[in-house]
């Protein structure tokens, strides 16, 4: 699941601003995550909990998608296969 998909699922029928309030962050944190900027892993965990998806998988998928090198990407992919 991409971060965009996670945000959409966590928002449900609500707004990104409402999601941010529920998590306890400024709405810009959600906007930045959706546009590919860094997102604190704990925020990814909270979004996953709200969306009722596995938070560990969500964080590892997020870290894989934001990885910069081949070795780092391979590490996250390897970890994902164990989940």
PDB file of N, CA and C in Angstrom:
ATOM      1  N   UNK A   1       0.845  -1.167   0.000  1.00  0.00           N
ATOM      2  CA  UNK A   1       0.000   0.000   0.000  1.00  0.00           C
ATOM      3  C   UNK A   1       0.898   1.240   0.000  1.00  0.00           C
ATOM      4  N   UNK A   2       0.636   2.158  -0.905  1.00  0.00           N
ATOM      5  CA  UNK A   2       1.413   3.403  -0.945  1.00  0.00           C
ATOM      6  C   UNK A   2       0.961   4.329   0.179  1.00  0.00           C
ATOM      7  N   UNK A   3       1.768   5.336   0.451  1.00  0.00           N
ATOM      8  CA  UNK A   3       1.399   6.295   1.492  1.00  0.00           C
ATOM      9  C   UNK A   3       0.126   7.035   1.088  1.00  0.00           C
ATOM     10  N   UNK A   4      -0.037   7.287  -0.210  1.00  0.00           N
ATOM     11  CA  UNK A   4      -1.250   7.959  -0.683  1.00  0.00           C
ATOM     12  C   UNK A   4      -2.475   7.090  -0.415  1.00  0.00           C
ATOM     13  N   UNK A   5      -2.356   5.802  -0.678  1.00  0.00           N
ATOM     14  CA  UNK A   5      -3.461   4.870  -0.422  1.00  0.00           C
ATOM     15  C   UNK A   5      -3.756   4.773   1.074  1.00  0.00           C
ATOM     16  N   UNK A   6      -2.703   4.751   1.882  1.00  0.00           N
ATOM     17  CA  UNK A   6      -2.879   4.684   3.333  1.00  0.00           C
ATOM     18  C   UNK A   6      -3.600   5.929   3.844  1.00  0.00           C
ATOM     19  N   UNK A   7      -3.200   7.091   3.356  1.00  0.00           N
ATOM     20  CA  UNK A   7      -3.854   8.334   3.772  1.00  0.00           C
ATOM     21  C   UNK A   7      -5.328   8.302   3.385  1.00  0.00           C
ATOM     22  N   UNK A   8      -5.610   7.882   2.156  1.00  0.00           N
ATOM     23  CA  UNK A   8      -7.004   7.822   1.696  1.00  0.00           C
ATOM     24  C   UNK A   8      -7.822   6.875   2.553  1.00  0.00           C
ATOM     25  N   UNK A   9      -7.254   5.711   2.873  1.00  0.00           N
ATOM     26  CA  UNK A   9      -7.972   4.728   3.687  1.00  0.00           C
ATOM     27  C   UNK A   9      -8.176   5.249   5.113  1.00  0.00           C
ATOM     28  N   UNK A  10      -7.157   5.895   5.658  1.00  0.00           N
ATOM     29  CA  UNK A  10      -7.264   6.431   7.020  1.00  0.00           C
ATOM     30  C   UNK A  10      -8.258   7.594   7.078  1.00  0.00           C
ATOM     31  N   UNK A  11      -8.330   8.378   6.013  1.00  0.00           N
ATOM     32  CA  UNK A  11      -9.284   9.493   5.971  1.00  0.00           C
ATOM     33  C   UNK A  11     -10.714   8.988   5.853  1.00  0.00           C
ATOM     34  N   UNK A  12     -10.907   7.887   5.156  1.00  0.00           N
ATOM     35  CA  UNK A  12     -12.262   7.403   4.925  1.00  0.00           C
ATOM     36  C   UNK A  12     -13.064   8.476   4.226  1.00  0.00           C
ATOM     37  N   UNK A  13     -14.178   8.868   4.807  1.00  0.00           N
ATOM     38  CA  UNK A  13     -15.010   9.933   4.246  1.00  0.00           C
ATOM     39  C   UNK A  13     -14.659  11.300   4.818  1.00  0.00           C
ATOM     40  N   UNK A  14     -13.647  11.331   5.687  1.00  0.00           N
ATOM     41  CA  UNK A  14     -13.253  12.589   6.318  1.00  0.00           C
ATOM     42  C   UNK A  14     -12.152  13.288   5.533  1.00  0.00           C
ATOM     43  N   UNK A  15     -11.711  14.394   6.066  1.00  0.00           N
ATOM     44  CA  UNK A  15     -10.676  15.194   5.411  1.00  0.00           C
ATOM     45  C   UNK A  15      -9.291  14.860   5.963  1.00  0.00           C
ATOM     46  N   UNK A  16      -8.288  15.300   5.233  1.00  0.00           N
ATOM     47  CA  UNK A  16      -6.916  15.145   5.716  1.00  0.00           C
ATOM     48  C   UNK A  16      -6.707  15.969   6.988  1.00  0.00           C
ATOM     49  N   UNK A  17      -7.373  17.115   7.083  1.00  0.00           N
ATOM     50  CA  UNK A  17      -7.263  17.948   8.290  1.00  0.00           C
ATOM     51  C   UNK A  17      -7.827  17.207   9.493  1.00  0.00           C
ATOM     52  N   UNK A  18      -8.948  16.500   9.299  1.00  0.00           N
ATOM     53  CA  UNK A  18      -9.543  15.725  10.394  1.00  0.00           C
ATOM     54  C   UNK A  18      -8.617  14.583  10.800  1.00  0.00           C
ATOM     55  N   UNK A  19      -7.985  13.947   9.815  1.00  0.00           N
ATOM     56  CA  UNK A  19      -7.028  12.871  10.106  1.00  0.00           C
ATOM     57  C   UNK A  19      -5.865  13.429  10.920  1.00  0.00           C
ATOM     58  N   UNK A  20      -5.353  14.576  10.506  1.00  0.00           N
ATOM     59  CA  UNK A  20      -4.238  15.194  11.229  1.00  0.00           C
ATOM     60  C   UNK A  20      -4.623  15.484  12.677  1.00  0.00           C
ATOM     61  N   UNK A  21      -5.829  16.012  12.884  1.00  0.00           N
ATOM     62  CA  UNK A  21      -6.293  16.284  14.255  1.00  0.00           C
ATOM     63  C   UNK A  21      -6.351  15.003  15.075  1.00  0.00           C
ATOM     64  N   UNK A  22      -6.874  13.935  14.456  1.00  0.00           N
ATOM     65  CA  UNK A  22      -6.987  12.657  15.176  1.00  0.00           C
ATOM     66  C   UNK A  22      -5.621  12.117  15.576  1.00  0.00           C
ATOM     67  N   UNK A  23      -4.644  12.301  14.703  1.00  0.00           N
ATOM     68  CA  UNK A  23      -3.288  11.821  14.990  1.00  0.00           C
ATOM     69  C   UNK A  23      -2.575  12.753  15.961  1.00  0.00           C
ATOM     70  N   UNK A  24      -2.896  14.040  15.878  1.00  0.00           N
ATOM     71  CA  UNK A  24      -2.243  15.023  16.736  1.00  0.00           C
ATOM     72  C   UNK A  24      -1.080  15.725  16.070  1.00  0.00           C
ATOM     73  N   UNK A  25      -1.178  15.904  14.743  1.00  0.00           N
ATOM     74  CA  UNK A  25      -0.121  16.599  14.004  1.00  0.00           C
ATOM     75  C   UNK A  25      -0.741  17.749  13.215  1.00  0.00           C
ATOM     76  N   UNK A  26       0.095  18.638  12.745  1.00  0.00           N
ATOM     77  CA  UNK A  26      -0.350  19.730  11.884  1.00  0.00           C
ATOM     78  C   UNK A  26      -0.761  19.134  10.531  1.00  0.00           C
ATOM     79  N   UNK A  27      -1.796  19.654   9.896  1.00  0.00           N
ATOM     80  CA  UNK A  27      -2.229  19.119   8.602  1.00  0.00           C
ATOM     81  C   UNK A  27      -1.128  19.076   7.543  1.00  0.00           C
ATOM     82  N   UNK A  28      -0.138  19.945   7.665  1.00  0.00           N
ATOM     83  CA  UNK A  28       0.954  19.939   6.686  1.00  0.00           C
ATOM     84  C   UNK A  28       1.746  18.631   6.708  1.00  0.00           C
ATOM     85  N   UNK A  29       1.757  17.946   7.844  1.00  0.00           N
ATOM     86  CA  UNK A  29       2.462  16.657   7.932  1.00  0.00           C
ATOM     87  C   UNK A  29       1.809  15.652   6.974  1.00  0.00           C
ATOM     88  N   UNK A  30       0.492  15.624   6.937  1.00  0.00           N
ATOM     89  CA  UNK A  30      -0.236  14.718   6.051  1.00  0.00           C
ATOM     90  C   UNK A  30      -0.025  15.131   4.600  1.00  0.00           C
ATOM     91  N   UNK A  31      -0.128  16.442   4.335  1.00  0.00           N
ATOM     92  CA  UNK A  31       0.074  16.949   2.975  1.00  0.00           C
ATOM     93  C   UNK A  31       1.474  16.619   2.476  1.00  0.00           C
ATOM     94  N   UNK A  32       2.471  16.834   3.318  1.00  0.00           N
ATOM     95  CA  UNK A  32       3.851  16.550   2.920  1.00  0.00           C
ATOM     96  C   UNK A  32       4.050  15.064   2.648  1.00  0.00           C
ATOM     97  N   UNK A  33       3.469  14.216   3.477  1.00  0.00           N
ATOM     98  CA  UNK A  33       3.583  12.769   3.258  1.00  0.00           C
ATOM     99  C   UNK A  33       2.954  12.394   1.924  1.00  0.00           C
ATOM    100  N   UNK A  34       1.804  12.965   1.634  1.00  0.00           N
ATOM    101  CA  UNK A  34       1.087  12.643   0.392  1.00  0.00           C
ATOM    102  C   UNK A  34       1.853  13.100  -0.841  1.00  0.00           C
ATOM    103  N   UNK A  35       2.639  14.159  -0.697  1.00  0.00           N
ATOM    104  CA  UNK A  35       3.384  14.678  -1.839  1.00  0.00           C
ATOM    105  C   UNK A  35       4.821  14.162  -1.903  1.00  0.00           C
ATOM    106  N   UNK A  36       5.129  13.146  -1.094  1.00  0.00           N
ATOM    107  CA  UNK A  36       6.436  12.508  -1.195  1.00  0.00           C
ATOM    108  C   UNK A  36       7.504  13.041  -0.265  1.00  0.00           C
ATOM    109  N   UNK A  37       7.149  13.963   0.600  1.00  0.00           N
ATOM    110  CA  UNK A  37       8.122  14.451   1.584  1.00  0.00           C
ATOM    111  C   UNK A  37       8.198  13.446   2.739  1.00  0.00           C
ATOM    112  N   UNK A  38       9.186  13.606   3.561  1.00  0.00           N
ATOM    113  CA  UNK A  38       9.380  12.690   4.690  1.00  0.00           C
ATOM    114  C   UNK A  38       8.197  12.739   5.653  1.00  0.00           C
ATOM    115  N   UNK A  39       7.877  11.585   6.190  1.00  0.00           N
ATOM    116  CA  UNK A  39       6.802  11.459   7.175  1.00  0.00           C
ATOM    117  C   UNK A  39       7.354  10.669   8.359  1.00  0.00           C
ATOM    118  N   UNK A  40       7.157  11.166   9.580  1.00  0.00           N
ATOM    119  CA  UNK A  40       7.650  10.412  10.733  1.00  0.00           C
ATOM    120  C   UNK A  40       7.006   9.012  10.775  1.00  0.00           C
ATOM    121  N   UNK A  41       7.806   7.973  10.972  1.00  0.00           N
ATOM    122  CA  UNK A  41       7.244   6.617  11.015  1.00  0.00           C
ATOM    123  C   UNK A  41       6.114   6.444  12.022  1.00  0.00           C
ATOM    124  N   UNK A  42       6.159   7.173  13.142  1.00  0.00           N
ATOM    125  CA  UNK A  42       5.076   7.030  14.127  1.00  0.00           C
ATOM    126  C   UNK A  42       3.753   7.529  13.555  1.00  0.00           C
ATOM    127  N   UNK A  43       3.797   8.501  12.648  1.00  0.00           N
ATOM    128  CA  UNK A  43       2.580   8.981  11.996  1.00  0.00           C
ATOM    129  C   UNK A  43       2.042   7.904  11.046  1.00  0.00           C
ATOM    130  N   UNK A  44       2.939   7.217  10.360  1.00  0.00           N
ATOM    131  CA  UNK A  44       2.532   6.108   9.491  1.00  0.00           C
ATOM    132  C   UNK A  44       1.852   5.027  10.336  1.00  0.00           C
ATOM    133  N   UNK A  45       2.405   4.733  11.499  1.00  0.00           N
ATOM    134  CA  UNK A  45       1.800   3.743  12.406  1.00  0.00           C
ATOM    135  C   UNK A  45       0.396   4.179  12.807  1.00  0.00           C
ATOM    136  N   UNK A  46       0.229   5.433  13.200  1.00  0.00           N
ATOM    137  CA  UNK A  46      -1.105   5.917  13.607  1.00  0.00           C
ATOM    138  C   UNK A  46      -2.100   5.863  12.450  1.00  0.00           C
ATOM    139  N   UNK A  47      -1.651   6.243  11.250  1.00  0.00           N
ATOM    140  CA  UNK A  47      -2.544   6.161  10.089  1.00  0.00           C
ATOM    141  C   UNK A  47      -2.955   4.719   9.828  1.00  0.00           C
ATOM    142  N   UNK A  48      -2.007   3.799   9.951  1.00  0.00           N
ATOM    143  CA  UNK A  48      -2.312   2.379   9.745  1.00  0.00           C
ATOM    144  C   UNK A  48      -3.307   1.881  10.787  1.00  0.00           C
ATOM    145  N   UNK A  49      -3.117   2.284  12.016  1.00  0.00           N
ATOM    146  CA  UNK A  49      -4.059   1.874  13.066  1.00  0.00           C
ATOM    147  C   UNK A  49      -5.459   2.400  12.775  1.00  0.00           C
ATOM    148  N   UNK A  50      -5.539   3.646  12.360  1.00  0.00           N
ATOM    149  CA  UNK A  50      -6.831   4.246  12.036  1.00  0.00           C
ATOM    150  C   UNK A  50      -7.464   3.547  10.836  1.00  0.00           C
ATOM    151  N   UNK A  51      -6.630   3.211   9.848  1.00  0.00           N
ATOM    152  CA  UNK A  51      -7.109   2.536   8.638  1.00  0.00           C
ATOM    153  C   UNK A  51      -7.351   1.041   8.858  1.00  0.00           C
ATOM    154  N   UNK A  52      -6.954   0.547  10.023  1.00  0.00           N
ATOM    155  CA  UNK A  52      -7.084  -0.865  10.378  1.00  0.00           C
ATOM    156  C   UNK A  52      -6.309  -1.781   9.422  1.00  0.00           C
ATOM    157  N   UNK A  53      -5.077  -1.374   9.191  1.00  0.00           N
ATOM    158  CA  UNK A  53      -4.145  -2.221   8.443  1.00  0.00           C
ATOM    159  C   UNK A  53      -2.935  -2.476   9.336  1.00  0.00           C
ATOM    160  N   UNK A  54      -2.160  -3.477   8.993  1.00  0.00           N
ATOM    161  CA  UNK A  54      -0.997  -3.859   9.789  1.00  0.00           C
ATOM    162  C   UNK A  54       0.004  -2.698   9.858  1.00  0.00           C
ATOM    163  N   UNK A  55       0.224  -2.130  11.036  1.00  0.00           N
ATOM    164  CA  UNK A  55       1.129  -0.986  11.138  1.00  0.00           C
ATOM    165  C   UNK A  55       2.584  -1.326  10.828  1.00  0.00           C
ATOM    166  N   UNK A  56       3.016  -2.523  11.137  1.00  0.00           N
ATOM    167  CA  UNK A  56       4.400  -2.915  10.843  1.00  0.00           C
ATOM    168  C   UNK A  56       4.594  -2.957   9.328  1.00  0.00           C
ATOM    169  N   UNK A  57       3.659  -3.594   8.622  1.00  0.00           N
ATOM    170  CA  UNK A  57       3.740  -3.649   7.162  1.00  0.00           C
ATOM    171  C   UNK A  57       3.698  -2.247   6.578  1.00  0.00           C
ATOM    172  N   UNK A  58       2.829  -1.402   7.099  1.00  0.00           N
ATOM    173  CA  UNK A  58       2.702  -0.038   6.585  1.00  0.00           C
ATOM    174  C   UNK A  58       4.017   0.731   6.725  1.00  0.00           C
ATOM    175  N   UNK A  59       4.670   0.612   7.868  1.00  0.00           N
ATOM    176  CA  UNK A  59       5.933   1.322   8.083  1.00  0.00           C
ATOM    177  C   UNK A  59       7.019   0.772   7.160  1.00  0.00           C
ATOM    178  N   UNK A  60       7.108  -0.544   7.046  1.00  0.00           N
ATOM    179  CA  UNK A  60       8.144  -1.132   6.183  1.00  0.00           C
ATOM    180  C   UNK A  60       7.893  -0.752   4.724  1.00  0.00           C
ATOM    181  N   UNK A  61       6.640  -0.762   4.288  1.00  0.00           N
ATOM    182  CA  UNK A  61       6.326  -0.340   2.911  1.00  0.00           C
ATOM    183  C   UNK A  61       6.691   1.125   2.704  1.00  0.00           C
ATOM    184  N   UNK A  62       6.415   1.949   3.694  1.00  0.00           N
ATOM    185  CA  UNK A  62       6.776   3.367   3.592  1.00  0.00           C
ATOM    186  C   UNK A  62       8.298   3.519   3.515  1.00  0.00           C
ATOM    187  N   UNK A  63       9.026   2.825   4.377  1.00  0.00           N
ATOM    188  CA  UNK A  63      10.483   2.933   4.374  1.00  0.00           C
ATOM    189  C   UNK A  63      11.068   2.417   3.065  1.00  0.00           C
ATOM    190  N   UNK A  64      10.475   1.365   2.512  1.00  0.00           N
ATOM    191  CA  UNK A  64      10.947   0.857   1.223  1.00  0.00           C
ATOM    192  C   UNK A  64      10.721   1.896   0.129  1.00  0.00           C
ATOM    193  N   UNK A  65       9.552   2.533   0.148  1.00  0.00           N
ATOM    194  CA  UNK A  65       9.235   3.507  -0.904  1.00  0.00           C
ATOM    195  C   UNK A  65      10.089   4.764  -0.810  1.00  0.00           C
ATOM    196  N   UNK A  66      10.602   5.066   0.383  1.00  0.00           N
ATOM    197  CA  UNK A  66      11.420   6.266   0.546  1.00  0.00           C
ATOM    198  C   UNK A  66      12.915   5.955   0.580  1.00  0.00           C
ATOM    199  N   UNK A  67      13.273   4.691   0.374  1.00  0.00           N
ATOM    200  CA  UNK A  67      14.680   4.290   0.395  1.00  0.00           C
ATOM    201  C   UNK A  67      15.405   4.887  -0.810  1.00  0.00           C
ATOM    202  N   UNK A  68      16.699   5.126  -0.636  1.00  0.00           N
ATOM    203  CA  UNK A  68      17.442   5.801  -1.699  1.00  0.00           C
ATOM    204  C   UNK A  68      18.435   4.910  -2.440  1.00  0.00           C
ATOM    205  N   UNK A  69      18.896   3.866  -1.820  1.00  0.00           N
ATOM    206  CA  UNK A  69      19.896   3.036  -2.472  1.00  0.00           C
ATOM    207  C   UNK A  69      19.405   1.622  -2.700  1.00  0.00           C
ATOM    208  N   UNK A  70      20.039   0.930  -3.625  1.00  0.00           N
ATOM    209  CA  UNK A  70      19.640  -0.444  -3.961  1.00  0.00           C
ATOM    210  C   UNK A  70      19.703  -1.378  -2.759  1.00  0.00           C
ATOM    211  N   UNK A  71      20.758  -1.252  -1.959  1.00  0.00           N
ATOM    212  CA  UNK A  71      20.894  -2.123  -0.783  1.00  0.00           C
ATOM    213  C   UNK A  71      19.777  -1.857   0.227  1.00  0.00           C
ATOM    214  N   UNK A  72      19.454  -0.587   0.417  1.00  0.00           N
ATOM    215  CA  UNK A  72      18.393  -0.237   1.359  1.00  0.00           C
ATOM    216  C   UNK A  72      17.040  -0.758   0.861  1.00  0.00           C
ATOM    217  N   UNK A  73      16.770  -0.563  -0.422  1.00  0.00           N
ATOM    218  CA  UNK A  73      15.517  -1.056  -1.006  1.00  0.00           C
ATOM    219  C   UNK A  73      15.430  -2.568  -0.874  1.00  0.00           C
ATOM    220  N   UNK A  74      16.525  -3.255  -1.174  1.00  0.00           N
ATOM    221  CA  UNK A  74      16.552  -4.719  -1.081  1.00  0.00           C
ATOM    222  C   UNK A  74      16.297  -5.184   0.349  1.00  0.00           C
ATOM    223  N   UNK A  75      16.834  -4.463   1.311  1.00  0.00           N
ATOM    224  CA  UNK A  75      16.626  -4.821   2.714  1.00  0.00           C
ATOM    225  C   UNK A  75      15.150  -4.736   3.089  1.00  0.00           C
ATOM    226  N   UNK A  76      14.489  -3.643   2.713  1.00  0.00           N
ATOM    227  CA  UNK A  76      13.069  -3.488   3.042  1.00  0.00           C
ATOM    228  C   UNK A  76      12.220  -4.510   2.292  1.00  0.00           C
ATOM    229  N   UNK A  77      12.568  -4.790   1.031  1.00  0.00           N
ATOM    230  CA  UNK A  77      11.826  -5.802   0.271  1.00  0.00           C
ATOM    231  C   UNK A  77      11.959  -7.180   0.938  1.00  0.00           C
ATOM    232  N   UNK A  78      13.172  -7.488   1.386  1.00  0.00           N
ATOM    233  CA  UNK A  78      13.415  -8.768   2.062  1.00  0.00           C
ATOM    234  C   UNK A  78      12.585  -8.862   3.343  1.00  0.00           C
ATOM    235  N   UNK A  79      12.531  -7.787   4.096  1.00  0.00           N
ATOM    236  CA  UNK A  79      11.743  -7.761   5.316  1.00  0.00           C
ATOM    237  C   UNK A  79      10.252  -7.909   5.006  1.00  0.00           C
ATOM    238  N   UNK A  80       9.776  -7.248   3.960  1.00  0.00           N
ATOM    239  CA  UNK A  80       8.369  -7.351   3.579  1.00  0.00           C
ATOM    240  C   UNK A  80       7.967  -8.786   3.276  1.00  0.00           C
ATOM    241  N   UNK A  81       8.877  -9.534   2.665  1.00  0.00           N
ATOM    242  CA  UNK A  81       8.571 -10.945   2.328  1.00  0.00           C
ATOM    243  C   UNK A  81       8.356 -11.793   3.582  1.00  0.00           C
ATOM    244  N   UNK A  82       8.876 -11.337   4.721  1.00  0.00           N
ATOM    245  CA  UNK A  82       8.707 -12.127   5.954  1.00  0.00           C
ATOM    246  C   UNK A  82       7.423 -11.803   6.691  1.00  0.00           C
ATOM    247  N   UNK A  83       6.754 -10.737   6.274  1.00  0.00           N
ATOM    248  CA  UNK A  83       5.534 -10.315   6.978  1.00  0.00           C
ATOM    249  C   UNK A  83       4.314 -11.021   6.434  1.00  0.00           C
TER     250      UNK A  83
END
